[in-house]
Amino acid sequence: GTEPQGIGYQITQAFIAIGSGGFFGQGFGRSLQKYNYLPEPMGDSIF
């Protein structure tokens, strides 16, 4: 929870992405975090 808008931004956004997926997910292609919220969406954050 350290500085969610600073040094903790990437992991905070990753938690939001993973948590919002739930059990079955939002659906293929329907991610919201890839719209410039989560850094490196096609790199080390792709999971």
All heavy atoms as atom14 arrays in JSON, in Angstrom:
{
  "sequence": "GTEPQGIGYQITQAFIAIGSGGFFGQGFGRSLQKYNYLPEPMGDSIF",
  "atom14_mask": [
    [1, 1, 1, 1, 0, 0, 0, 0, 0, 0, 0, 0, 0, 0],
    [1, 1, 1, 1, 1, 1, 1, 0, 0, 0, 0, 0, 0, 0],
    [1, 1, 1, 1, 1, 1, 1, 1, 1, 0, 0, 0, 0, 0],
    [1, 1, 1, 1, 1, 1, 1, 0, 0, 0, 0, 0, 0, 0],
    [1, 1, 1, 1, 1, 1, 1, 1, 1, 0, 0, 0, 0, 0],
    [1, 1, 1, 1, 0, 0, 0, 0, 0, 0, 0, 0, 0, 0],
    [1, 1, 1, 1, 1, 1, 1, 1, 0, 0, 0, 0, 0, 0],
    [1, 1, 1, 1, 0, 0, 0, 0, 0, 0, 0, 0, 0, 0],
    [1, 1, 1, 1, 1, 1, 1, 1, 1, 1, 1, 1, 0, 0],
    [1, 1, 1, 1, 1, 1, 1, 1, 1, 0, 0, 0, 0, 0],
    [1, 1, 1, 1, 1, 1, 1, 1, 0, 0, 0, 0, 0, 0],
    [1, 1, 1, 1, 1, 1, 1, 0, 0, 0, 0, 0, 0, 0],
    [1, 1, 1, 1, 1, 1, 1, 1, 1, 0, 0, 0, 0, 0],
    [1, 1, 1, 1, 1, 0, 0, 0, 0, 0, 0, 0, 0, 0],
    [1, 1, 1, 1, 1, 1, 1, 1, 1, 1, 1, 0, 0, 0],
    [1, 1, 1, 1, 1, 1, 1, 1, 0, 0, 0, 0, 0, 0],
    [1, 1, 1, 1, 1, 0, 0, 0, 0, 0, 0, 0, 0, 0],
    [1, 1, 1, 1, 1, 1, 1, 1, 0, 0, 0, 0, 0, 0],
    [1, 1, 1, 1, 0, 0, 0, 0, 0, 0, 0, 0, 0, 0],
    [1, 1, 1, 1, 1, 1, 0, 0, 0, 0, 0, 0, 0, 0],
    [1, 1, 1, 1, 0, 0, 0, 0, 0, 0, 0, 0, 0, 0],
    [1, 1, 1, 1, 0, 0, 0, 0, 0, 0, 0, 0, 0, 0],
    [1, 1, 1, 1, 1, 1, 1, 1, 1, 1, 1, 0, 0, 0],
    [1, 1, 1, 1, 1, 1, 1, 1, 1, 1, 1, 0, 0, 0],
    [1, 1, 1, 1, 0, 0, 0, 0, 0, 0, 0, 0, 0, 0],
    [1, 1, 1, 1, 1, 1, 1, 1, 1, 0, 0, 0, 0, 0],
    [1, 1, 1, 1, 0, 0, 0, 0, 0, 0, 0, 0, 0, 0],
    [1, 1, 1, 1, 1, 1, 1, 1, 1, 1, 1, 0, 0, 0],
    [1, 1, 1, 1, 0, 0, 0, 0, 0, 0, 0, 0, 0, 0],
    [1, 1, 1, 1, 1, 1, 1, 1, 1, 1, 1, 0, 0, 0],
    [1, 1, 1, 1, 1, 1, 0, 0, 0, 0, 0, 0, 0, 0],
    [1, 1, 1, 1, 1, 1, 1, 1, 0, 0, 0, 0, 0, 0],
    [1, 1, 1, 1, 1, 1, 1, 1, 1, 0, 0, 0, 0, 0],
    [1, 1, 1, 1, 1, 1, 1, 1, 1, 0, 0, 0, 0, 0],
    [1, 1, 1, 1, 1, 1, 1, 1, 1, 1, 1, 1, 0, 0],
    [1, 1, 1, 1, 1, 1, 1, 1, 0, 0, 0, 0, 0, 0],
    [1, 1, 1, 1, 1, 1, 1, 1, 1, 1, 1, 1, 0, 0],
    [1, 1, 1, 1, 1, 1, 1, 1, 0, 0, 0, 0, 0, 0],
    [1, 1, 1, 1, 1, 1, 1, 0, 0, 0, 0, 0, 0, 0],
    [1, 1, 1, 1, 1, 1, 1, 1, 1, 0, 0, 0, 0, 0],
    [1, 1, 1, 1, 1, 1, 1, 0, 0, 0, 0, 0, 0, 0],
    [1, 1, 1, 1, 1, 1, 1, 1, 0, 0, 0, 0, 0, 0],
    [1, 1, 1, 1, 0, 0, 0, 0, 0, 0, 0, 0, 0, 0],
    [1, 1, 1, 1, 1, 1, 1, 1, 0, 0, 0, 0, 0, 0],
    [1, 1, 1, 1, 1, 1, 0, 0, 0, 0, 0, 0, 0, 0],
    [1, 1, 1, 1, 1, 1, 1, 1, 0, 0, 0, 0, 0, 0],
    [1, 1, 1, 1, 1, 1, 1, 1, 1, 1, 1, 0, 0, 0]
  ],
  "atom14_positions": [
    [[0.8, -1.22, 0.0], [0.0, 0.0, 0.0], [0.83, 1.27, 0.0], [0.26, 2.37, 0.02], [0.0, 0.0, 0.0], [0.0, 0.0, 0.0], [0.0, 0.0, 0.0], [0.0, 0.0, 0.0], [0.0, 0.0, 0.0], [0.0, 0.0, 0.0], [0.0, 0.0, 0.0], [0.0, 0.0, 0.0], [0.0, 0.0, 0.0], [0.0, 0.0, 0.0]],
    [[2.15, 1.14, -0.05], [3.03, 2.31, -0.02], [2.89, 3.15, -1.29], [3.08, 2.66, -2.39], [4.49, 1.87, 0.14], [4.62, 1.07, 1.31], [5.42, 3.08, 0.22], [0.0, 0.0, 0.0], [0.0, 0.0, 0.0], [0.0, 0.0, 0.0], [0.0, 0.0, 0.0], [0.0, 0.0, 0.0], [0.0, 0.0, 0.0], [0.0, 0.0, 0.0]],
    [[2.54, 4.4, -1.15], [2.46, 5.38, -2.24], [1.81, 4.79, -3.5], [2.47, 4.58, -4.51], [3.86, 5.89, -2.59], [4.54, 6.64, -1.47], [5.86, 7.25, -1.9], [5.95, 7.72, -3.05], [6.81, 7.23, -1.1], [0.0, 0.0, 0.0], [0.0, 0.0, 0.0], [0.0, 0.0, 0.0], [0.0, 0.0, 0.0], [0.0, 0.0, 0.0]],
    [[0.51, 4.52, -3.45], [-0.18, 3.92, -4.6], [-0.14, 4.78, -5.86], [-0.36, 4.25, -6.96], [-1.62, 3.74, -4.1], [-1.75, 4.69, -2.95], [-0.4, 4.77, -2.32], [0.0, 0.0, 0.0], [0.0, 0.0, 0.0], [0.0, 0.0, 0.0], [0.0, 0.0, 0.0], [0.0, 0.0, 0.0], [0.0, 0.0, 0.0], [0.0, 0.0, 0.0]],
    [[0.15, 6.07, -5.72], [0.3, 6.93, -6.9], [1.78, 7.22, -7.2], [2.08, 8.01, -8.1], [-0.44, 8.25, -6.67], [-1.95, 8.09, -6.55], [-2.57, 7.51, -7.8], [-2.18, 7.85, -8.93], [-3.53, 6.61, -7.63], [0.0, 0.0, 0.0], [0.0, 0.0, 0.0], [0.0, 0.0, 0.0], [0.0, 0.0, 0.0], [0.0, 0.0, 0.0]],
    [[2.67, 6.57, -6.44], [4.1, 6.78, -6.63], [4.81, 5.47, -6.89], [4.56, 4.79, -7.88], [0.0, 0.0, 0.0], [0.0, 0.0, 0.0], [0.0, 0.0, 0.0], [0.0, 0.0, 0.0], [0.0, 0.0, 0.0], [0.0, 0.0, 0.0], [0.0, 0.0, 0.0], [0.0, 0.0, 0.0], [0.0, 0.0, 0.0], [0.0, 0.0, 0.0]],
    [[5.7, 5.08, -5.95], [6.5, 3.87, -6.16], [5.65, 2.6, -6.14], [6.06, 1.56, -6.67], [7.62, 3.77, -5.11], [7.04, 3.72, -3.68], [8.6, 4.9, -5.25], [8.08, 3.51, -2.61], [0.0, 0.0, 0.0], [0.0, 0.0, 0.0], [0.0, 0.0, 0.0], [0.0, 0.0, 0.0], [0.0, 0.0, 0.0], [0.0, 0.0, 0.0]],
    [[4.47, 2.66, -5.54], [3.6, 1.49, -5.49], [2.55, 1.46, -6.58], [1.64, 0.62, -6.54], [0.0, 0.0, 0.0], [0.0, 0.0, 0.0], [0.0, 0.0, 0.0], [0.0, 0.0, 0.0], [0.0, 0.0, 0.0], [0.0, 0.0, 0.0], [0.0, 0.0, 0.0], [0.0, 0.0, 0.0], [0.0, 0.0, 0.0], [0.0, 0.0, 0.0]],
    [[2.68, 2.34, -7.58], [1.64, 2.45, -8.6], [1.46, 1.17, -9.41], [0.35, 0.68, -9.61], [1.95, 3.62, -9.54], [0.92, 3.81, -10.63], [-0.29, 4.41, -10.36], [1.16, 3.37, -11.93], [-1.25, 4.59, -11.35], [0.23, 3.54, -12.92], [-0.98, 4.14, -12.63], [-1.92, 4.29, -13.63], [0.0, 0.0, 0.0], [0.0, 0.0, 0.0]],
    [[2.57, 0.59, -9.89], [2.47, -0.58, -10.76], [1.84, -1.76, -10.05], [0.93, -2.4, -10.58], [3.85, -0.98, -11.3], [3.78, -2.16, -12.29], [5.12, -2.44, -12.95], [6.13, -1.82, -12.62], [5.15, -3.37, -13.88], [0.0, 0.0, 0.0], [0.0, 0.0, 0.0], [0.0, 0.0, 0.0], [0.0, 0.0, 0.0], [0.0, 0.0, 0.0]],
    [[2.29, -2.05, -8.83], [1.73, -3.21, -8.14], [0.29, -2.95, -7.72], [-0.54, -3.88, -7.71], [2.62, -3.59, -6.93], [2.27, -4.99, -6.43], [2.48, -2.58, -5.81], [2.58, -6.09, -7.41], [0.0, 0.0, 0.0], [0.0, 0.0, 0.0], [0.0, 0.0, 0.0], [0.0, 0.0, 0.0], [0.0, 0.0, 0.0], [0.0, 0.0, 0.0]],
    [[-0.05, -1.68, -7.42], [-1.44, -1.36, -7.08], [-2.36, -1.6, -8.27], [-3.43, -2.21, -8.14], [-1.55, 0.11, -6.64], [-0.75, 0.32, -5.47], [-3.0, 0.48, -6.33], [0.0, 0.0, 0.0], [0.0, 0.0, 0.0], [0.0, 0.0, 0.0], [0.0, 0.0, 0.0], [0.0, 0.0, 0.0], [0.0, 0.0, 0.0], [0.0, 0.0, 0.0]],
    [[-1.95, -1.14, -9.45], [-2.76, -1.36, -10.65], [-2.81, -2.84, -11.03], [-3.82, -3.32, -11.54], [-2.19, -0.54, -11.81], [-2.24, 0.96, -11.6], [-3.65, 1.47, -11.38], [-4.59, 1.08, -12.07], [-3.81, 2.35, -10.39], [0.0, 0.0, 0.0], [0.0, 0.0, 0.0], [0.0, 0.0, 0.0], [0.0, 0.0, 0.0], [0.0, 0.0, 0.0]],
    [[-1.71, -3.57, -10.76], [-1.71, -5.01, -11.03], [-2.71, -5.72, -10.14], [-3.44, -6.62, -10.59], [-0.31, -5.59, -10.83], [0.0, 0.0, 0.0], [0.0, 0.0, 0.0], [0.0, 0.0, 0.0], [0.0, 0.0, 0.0], [0.0, 0.0, 0.0], [0.0, 0.0, 0.0], [0.0, 0.0, 0.0], [0.0, 0.0, 0.0], [0.0, 0.0, 0.0]],
    [[-2.76, -5.33, -8.86], [-3.75, -5.92, -7.94], [-5.17, -5.63, -8.39], [-6.05, -6.5, -8.31], [-3.53, -5.36, -6.53], [-2.33, -5.92, -5.82], [-1.88, -5.35, -4.64], [-1.64, -7.02, -6.32], [-0.78, -5.86, -3.97], [-0.54, -7.54, -5.66], [-0.1, -6.96, -4.49], [0.0, 0.0, 0.0], [0.0, 0.0, 0.0], [0.0, 0.0, 0.0]],
    [[-5.41, -4.42, -8.88], [-6.74, -4.07, -9.39], [-7.11, -4.96, -10.57], [-8.23, -5.47, -10.68], [-6.8, -2.58, -9.78], [-6.66, -1.7, -8.53], [-8.1, -2.26, -10.51], [-6.54, -0.22, -8.84], [0.0, 0.0, 0.0], [0.0, 0.0, 0.0], [0.0, 0.0, 0.0], [0.0, 0.0, 0.0], [0.0, 0.0, 0.0], [0.0, 0.0, 0.0]],
    [[-6.15, -5.15, -11.48], [-6.41, -5.98, -12.66], [-6.7, -7.42, -12.26], [-7.69, -8.02, -12.7], [-5.2, -5.92, -13.6], [0.0, 0.0, 0.0], [0.0, 0.0, 0.0], [0.0, 0.0, 0.0], [0.0, 0.0, 0.0], [0.0, 0.0, 0.0], [0.0, 0.0, 0.0], [0.0, 0.0, 0.0], [0.0, 0.0, 0.0], [0.0, 0.0, 0.0]],
    [[-5.84, -8.0, -11.42], [-6.01, -9.4, -11.02], [-7.29, -9.58, -10.21], [-8.06, -10.53, -10.43], [-4.79, -9.88, -10.21], [-3.54, -9.87, -11.1], [-5.02, -11.28, -9.66], [-2.25, -10.13, -10.35], [0.0, 0.0, 0.0], [0.0, 0.0, 0.0], [0.0, 0.0, 0.0], [0.0, 0.0, 0.0], [0.0, 0.0, 0.0], [0.0, 0.0, 0.0]],
    [[-7.54, -8.64, -9.29], [-8.73, -8.76, -8.46], [-10.02, -8.61, -9.24], [-11.01, -9.32, -8.98], [0.0, 0.0, 0.0], [0.0, 0.0, 0.0], [0.0, 0.0, 0.0], [0.0, 0.0, 0.0], [0.0, 0.0, 0.0], [0.0, 0.0, 0.0], [0.0, 0.0, 0.0], [0.0, 0.0, 0.0], [0.0, 0.0, 0.0], [0.0, 0.0, 0.0]],
    [[-10.04, -7.72, -10.23], [-11.26, -7.51, -11.01], [-11.55, -8.68, -11.95], [-12.66, -8.79, -12.45], [-11.16, -6.21, -11.81], [-10.09, -6.28, -12.75], [0.0, 0.0, 0.0], [0.0, 0.0, 0.0], [0.0, 0.0, 0.0], [0.0, 0.0, 0.0], [0.0, 0.0, 0.0], [0.0, 0.0, 0.0], [0.0, 0.0, 0.0], [0.0, 0.0, 0.0]],
    [[-10.55, -9.54, -12.17], [-10.78, -10.7, -13.03], [-11.67, -11.74, -12.39], [-12.35, -12.49, -13.1], [0.0, 0.0, 0.0], [0.0, 0.0, 0.0], [0.0, 0.0, 0.0], [0.0, 0.0, 0.0], [0.0, 0.0, 0.0], [0.0, 0.0, 0.0], [0.0, 0.0, 0.0], [0.0, 0.0, 0.0], [0.0, 0.0, 0.0], [0.0, 0.0, 0.0]],
    [[-11.67, -11.81, -11.05], [-12.5, -12.8, -10.37], [-12.15, -14.21, -10.78], [-10.99, -14.52, -11.08], [0.0, 0.0, 0.0], [0.0, 0.0, 0.0], [0.0, 0.0, 0.0], [0.0, 0.0, 0.0], [0.0, 0.0, 0.0], [0.0, 0.0, 0.0], [0.0, 0.0, 0.0], [0.0, 0.0, 0.0], [0.0, 0.0, 0.0], [0.0, 0.0, 0.0]],
    [[-13.14, -15.08, -10.8], [-12.89, -16.48, -11.13], [-12.85, -16.73, -12.63], [-11.98, -17.43, -13.13], [-13.96, -17.37, -10.49], [-13.65, -18.84, -10.58], [-12.81, -19.44, -9.66], [-14.18, -19.62, -11.6], [-12.5, -20.79, -9.75], [-13.89, -20.97, -11.7], [-13.04, -21.56, -10.76], [0.0, 0.0, 0.0], [0.0, 0.0, 0.0], [0.0, 0.0, 0.0]],
    [[-13.81, -16.13, -13.37], [-13.92, -16.4, -14.81], [-13.34, -15.27, -15.67], [-13.19, -15.44, -16.87], [-15.38, -16.63, -15.2], [-15.96, -17.89, -14.62], [-16.84, -17.83, -13.55], [-15.61, -19.14, -15.11], [-17.37, -18.99, -13.01], [-16.13, -20.29, -14.58], [-17.02, -20.22, -13.52], [0.0, 0.0, 0.0], [0.0, 0.0, 0.0], [0.0, 0.0, 0.0]],
    [[-13.03, -14.11, -15.09], [-12.45, -13.03, -15.85], [-13.48, -12.11, -16.48], [-14.67, -12.42, -16.55], [0.0, 0.0, 0.0], [0.0, 0.0, 0.0], [0.0, 0.0, 0.0], [0.0, 0.0, 0.0], [0.0, 0.0, 0.0], [0.0, 0.0, 0.0], [0.0, 0.0, 0.0], [0.0, 0.0, 0.0], [0.0, 0.0, 0.0], [0.0, 0.0, 0.0]],
    [[-13.0, -10.98, -16.98], [-13.87, -10.0, -17.63], [-14.2, -10.39, -19.06], [-15.11, -9.83, -19.67], [-13.19, -8.63, -17.63], [-12.91, -8.06, -16.25], [-14.17, -7.67, -15.53], [-15.16, -7.29, -16.14], [-14.14, -7.76, -14.2], [0.0, 0.0, 0.0], [0.0, 0.0, 0.0], [0.0, 0.0, 0.0], [0.0, 0.0, 0.0], [0.0, 0.0, 0.0]],
    [[-13.46, -11.34, -19.6], [-13.66, -11.74, -20.99], [-12.46, -11.36, -21.83], [-11.83, -10.3, -21.61], [0.0, 0.0, 0.0], [0.0, 0.0, 0.0], [0.0, 0.0, 0.0], [0.0, 0.0, 0.0], [0.0, 0.0, 0.0], [0.0, 0.0, 0.0], [0.0, 0.0, 0.0], [0.0, 0.0, 0.0], [0.0, 0.0, 0.0], [0.0, 0.0, 0.0]],
    [[-12.12, -12.19, -22.8], [-10.94, -11.95, -23.63], [-11.08, -10.62, -24.38], [-12.08, -10.35, -25.03], [-10.76, -13.09, -24.63], [-9.52, -12.95, -25.48], [-8.27, -13.19, -24.95], [-9.62, -12.56, -26.81], [-7.14, -13.06, -25.72], [-8.48, -12.43, -27.59], [-7.24, -12.67, -27.04], [0.0, 0.0, 0.0], [0.0, 0.0, 0.0], [0.0, 0.0, 0.0]],
    [[-10.04, -9.78, -24.26], [-10.03, -8.5, -24.93], [-10.71, -7.38, -24.16], [-10.73, -6.23, -24.63], [0.0, 0.0, 0.0], [0.0, 0.0, 0.0], [0.0, 0.0, 0.0], [0.0, 0.0, 0.0], [0.0, 0.0, 0.0], [0.0, 0.0, 0.0], [0.0, 0.0, 0.0], [0.0, 0.0, 0.0], [0.0, 0.0, 0.0], [0.0, 0.0, 0.0]],
    [[-11.26, -7.65, -22.99], [-12.07, -6.67, -22.27], [-11.36, -6.07, -21.06], [-12.01, -5.53, -20.17], [-13.4, -7.29, -21.86], [-14.21, -7.81, -23.03], [-15.55, -8.36, -22.6], [-16.4, -7.31, -22.01], [-17.61, -7.55, -21.53], [-18.11, -8.78, -21.55], [-18.32, -6.56, -21.02], [0.0, 0.0, 0.0], [0.0, 0.0, 0.0], [0.0, 0.0, 0.0]],
    [[-10.06, -6.15, -21.01], [-9.31, -5.55, -19.91], [-9.43, -4.02, -19.96], [-9.4, -3.41, -21.04], [-7.83, -5.93, -20.0], [-7.03, -5.1, -19.18], [0.0, 0.0, 0.0], [0.0, 0.0, 0.0], [0.0, 0.0, 0.0], [0.0, 0.0, 0.0], [0.0, 0.0, 0.0], [0.0, 0.0, 0.0], [0.0, 0.0, 0.0], [0.0, 0.0, 0.0]],
    [[-9.55, -3.42, -18.8], [-9.56, -1.96, -18.68], [-8.18, -1.43, -18.31], [-7.82, -0.31, -18.66], [-10.58, -1.51, -17.63], [-12.05, -1.82, -17.93], [-12.94, -1.33, -16.8], [-12.47, -1.17, -19.26], [0.0, 0.0, 0.0], [0.0, 0.0, 0.0], [0.0, 0.0, 0.0], [0.0, 0.0, 0.0], [0.0, 0.0, 0.0], [0.0, 0.0, 0.0]],
    [[-7.41, -2.23, -17.58], [-6.1, -1.79, -17.11], [-5.1, -1.56, -18.24], [-4.15, -0.81, -18.07], [-5.54, -2.8, -16.1], [-6.21, -2.78, -14.75], [-6.04, -1.45, -14.03], [-4.94, -0.93, -13.93], [-7.14, -0.9, -13.56], [0.0, 0.0, 0.0], [0.0, 0.0, 0.0], [0.0, 0.0, 0.0], [0.0, 0.0, 0.0], [0.0, 0.0, 0.0]],
    [[-5.31, -2.19, -19.38], [-4.37, -2.0, -20.49], [-4.56, -0.64, -21.16], [-3.74, -0.24, -22.0], [-4.52, -3.12, -21.52], [-5.86, -3.13, -22.24], [-5.99, -4.4, -23.08], [-7.36, -4.5, -23.74], [-7.54, -5.81, -24.39], [0.0, 0.0, 0.0], [0.0, 0.0, 0.0], [0.0, 0.0, 0.0], [0.0, 0.0, 0.0], [0.0, 0.0, 0.0]],
    [[-5.61, 0.09, -20.79], [-5.84, 1.42, -21.35], [-5.03, 2.46, -20.57], [-5.57, 3.38, -19.96], [-7.33, 1.76, -21.32], [-8.12, 1.02, -22.38], [-8.65, -0.24, -22.12], [-8.3, 1.55, -23.65], [-9.36, -0.93, -23.09], [-9.0, 0.87, -24.64], [-9.52, -0.37, -24.34], [-10.22, -1.07, -25.31], [0.0, 0.0, 0.0], [0.0, 0.0, 0.0]],
    [[-3.72, 2.25, -20.59], [-2.76, 3.2, -20.01], [-2.87, 3.36, -18.5], [-2.45, 4.38, -17.95], [-2.88, 4.57, -20.69], [-2.55, 4.53, -22.16], [-1.67, 3.78, -22.58], [-3.27, 5.3, -22.96], [0.0, 0.0, 0.0], [0.0, 0.0, 0.0], [0.0, 0.0, 0.0], [0.0, 0.0, 0.0], [0.0, 0.0, 0.0], [0.0, 0.0, 0.0]],
    [[-3.43, 2.37, -17.83], [-3.44, 2.38, -16.37], [-2.27, 1.57, -15.81], [-1.52, 2.05, -14.96], [-4.77, 1.81, -15.83], [-5.97, 2.67, -16.13], [-6.88, 2.3, -17.1], [-6.19, 3.85, -15.43], [-7.99, 3.09, -17.38], [-7.29, 4.65, -15.7], [-8.19, 4.27, -16.68], [-9.28, 5.05, -16.95], [0.0, 0.0, 0.0], [0.0, 0.0, 0.0]],
    [[-2.13, 0.34, -16.27], [-1.08, -0.54, -15.77], [0.17, -0.38, -16.62], [0.13, -0.59, -17.84], [-1.54, -2.0, -15.8], [-0.54, -3.07, -15.38], [-0.14, -2.87, -13.93], [-1.11, -4.46, -15.58], [0.0, 0.0, 0.0], [0.0, 0.0, 0.0], [0.0, 0.0, 0.0], [0.0, 0.0, 0.0], [0.0, 0.0, 0.0], [0.0, 0.0, 0.0]],
    [[1.33, -0.01, -16.03], [2.58, 0.09, -16.8], [2.99, -1.28, -17.35], [2.74, -2.31, -16.74], [3.59, 0.6, -15.77], [2.77, 1.21, -14.68], [1.49, 0.42, -14.63], [0.0, 0.0, 0.0], [0.0, 0.0, 0.0], [0.0, 0.0, 0.0], [0.0, 0.0, 0.0], [0.0, 0.0, 0.0], [0.0, 0.0, 0.0], [0.0, 0.0, 0.0]],
    [[3.65, -1.27, -18.49], [4.16, -2.48, -19.13], [3.08, -3.54, -19.34], [3.28, -4.71, -18.98], [5.31, -3.07, -18.3], [6.51, -2.15, -18.15], [7.29, -2.0, -19.44], [7.24, -2.91, -20.29], [7.93, -0.96, -19.62], [0.0, 0.0, 0.0], [0.0, 0.0, 0.0], [0.0, 0.0, 0.0], [0.0, 0.0, 0.0], [0.0, 0.0, 0.0]],
    [[1.92, -3.2, -19.92], [0.85, -4.19, -20.06], [1.2, -5.35, -20.99], [0.6, -6.41, -20.88], [-0.32, -3.36, -20.61], [0.33, -2.22, -21.32], [1.55, -1.9, -20.51], [0.0, 0.0, 0.0], [0.0, 0.0, 0.0], [0.0, 0.0, 0.0], [0.0, 0.0, 0.0], [0.0, 0.0, 0.0], [0.0, 0.0, 0.0], [0.0, 0.0, 0.0]],
    [[2.15, -5.14, -21.91], [2.52, -6.24, -22.79], [3.92, -6.78, -22.46], [4.44, -7.62, -23.18], [2.48, -5.8, -24.26], [3.45, -4.7, -24.62], [3.33, -4.31, -26.38], [4.72, -3.18, -26.56], [0.0, 0.0, 0.0], [0.0, 0.0, 0.0], [0.0, 0.0, 0.0], [0.0, 0.0, 0.0], [0.0, 0.0, 0.0], [0.0, 0.0, 0.0]],
    [[4.49, -6.28, -21.36], [5.8, -6.73, -20.93], [5.73, -7.54, -19.67], [5.03, -8.56, -19.6], [0.0, 0.0, 0.0], [0.0, 0.0, 0.0], [0.0, 0.0, 0.0], [0.0, 0.0, 0.0], [0.0, 0.0, 0.0], [0.0, 0.0, 0.0], [0.0, 0.0, 0.0], [0.0, 0.0, 0.0], [0.0, 0.0, 0.0], [0.0, 0.0, 0.0]],
    [[6.4, -7.07, -18.61], [6.45, -7.86, -17.39], [5.13, -7.84, -16.62], [4.96, -8.61, -15.68], [7.59, -7.39, -16.49], [7.52, -5.9, -16.18], [7.73, -5.11, -17.11], [7.26, -5.53, -15.02], [0.0, 0.0, 0.0], [0.0, 0.0, 0.0], [0.0, 0.0, 0.0], [0.0, 0.0, 0.0], [0.0, 0.0, 0.0], [0.0, 0.0, 0.0]],
    [[4.17, -6.96, -17.0], [2.87, -6.92, -16.32], [1.78, -7.71, -17.05], [0.61, -7.66, -16.66], [2.4, -5.46, -16.16], [3.3, -4.71, -15.4], [0.0, 0.0, 0.0], [0.0, 0.0, 0.0], [0.0, 0.0, 0.0], [0.0, 0.0, 0.0], [0.0, 0.0, 0.0], [0.0, 0.0, 0.0], [0.0, 0.0, 0.0], [0.0, 0.0, 0.0]],
    [[2.15, -8.43, -18.09], [1.13, -9.04, -18.95], [0.3, -10.1, -18.22], [-0.86, -10.33, -18.55], [1.79, -9.64, -20.21], [0.73, -9.87, -21.3], [2.56, -10.91, -19.9], [1.31, -10.17, -22.67], [0.0, 0.0, 0.0], [0.0, 0.0, 0.0], [0.0, 0.0, 0.0], [0.0, 0.0, 0.0], [0.0, 0.0, 0.0], [0.0, 0.0, 0.0]],
    [[0.86, -10.74, -17.19], [0.1, -11.75, -16.46], [-1.09, -11.12, -15.75], [-2.14, -11.75, -15.62], [0.99, -12.47, -15.44], [0.27, -13.51, -14.64], [-0.13, -14.7, -15.23], [-0.02, -13.31, -13.29], [-0.81, -15.67, -14.5], [-0.69, -14.27, -12.56], [-1.09, -15.45, -13.16], [0.0, 0.0, 0.0], [0.0, 0.0, 0.0], [0.0, 0.0, 0.0]]
  ]
}
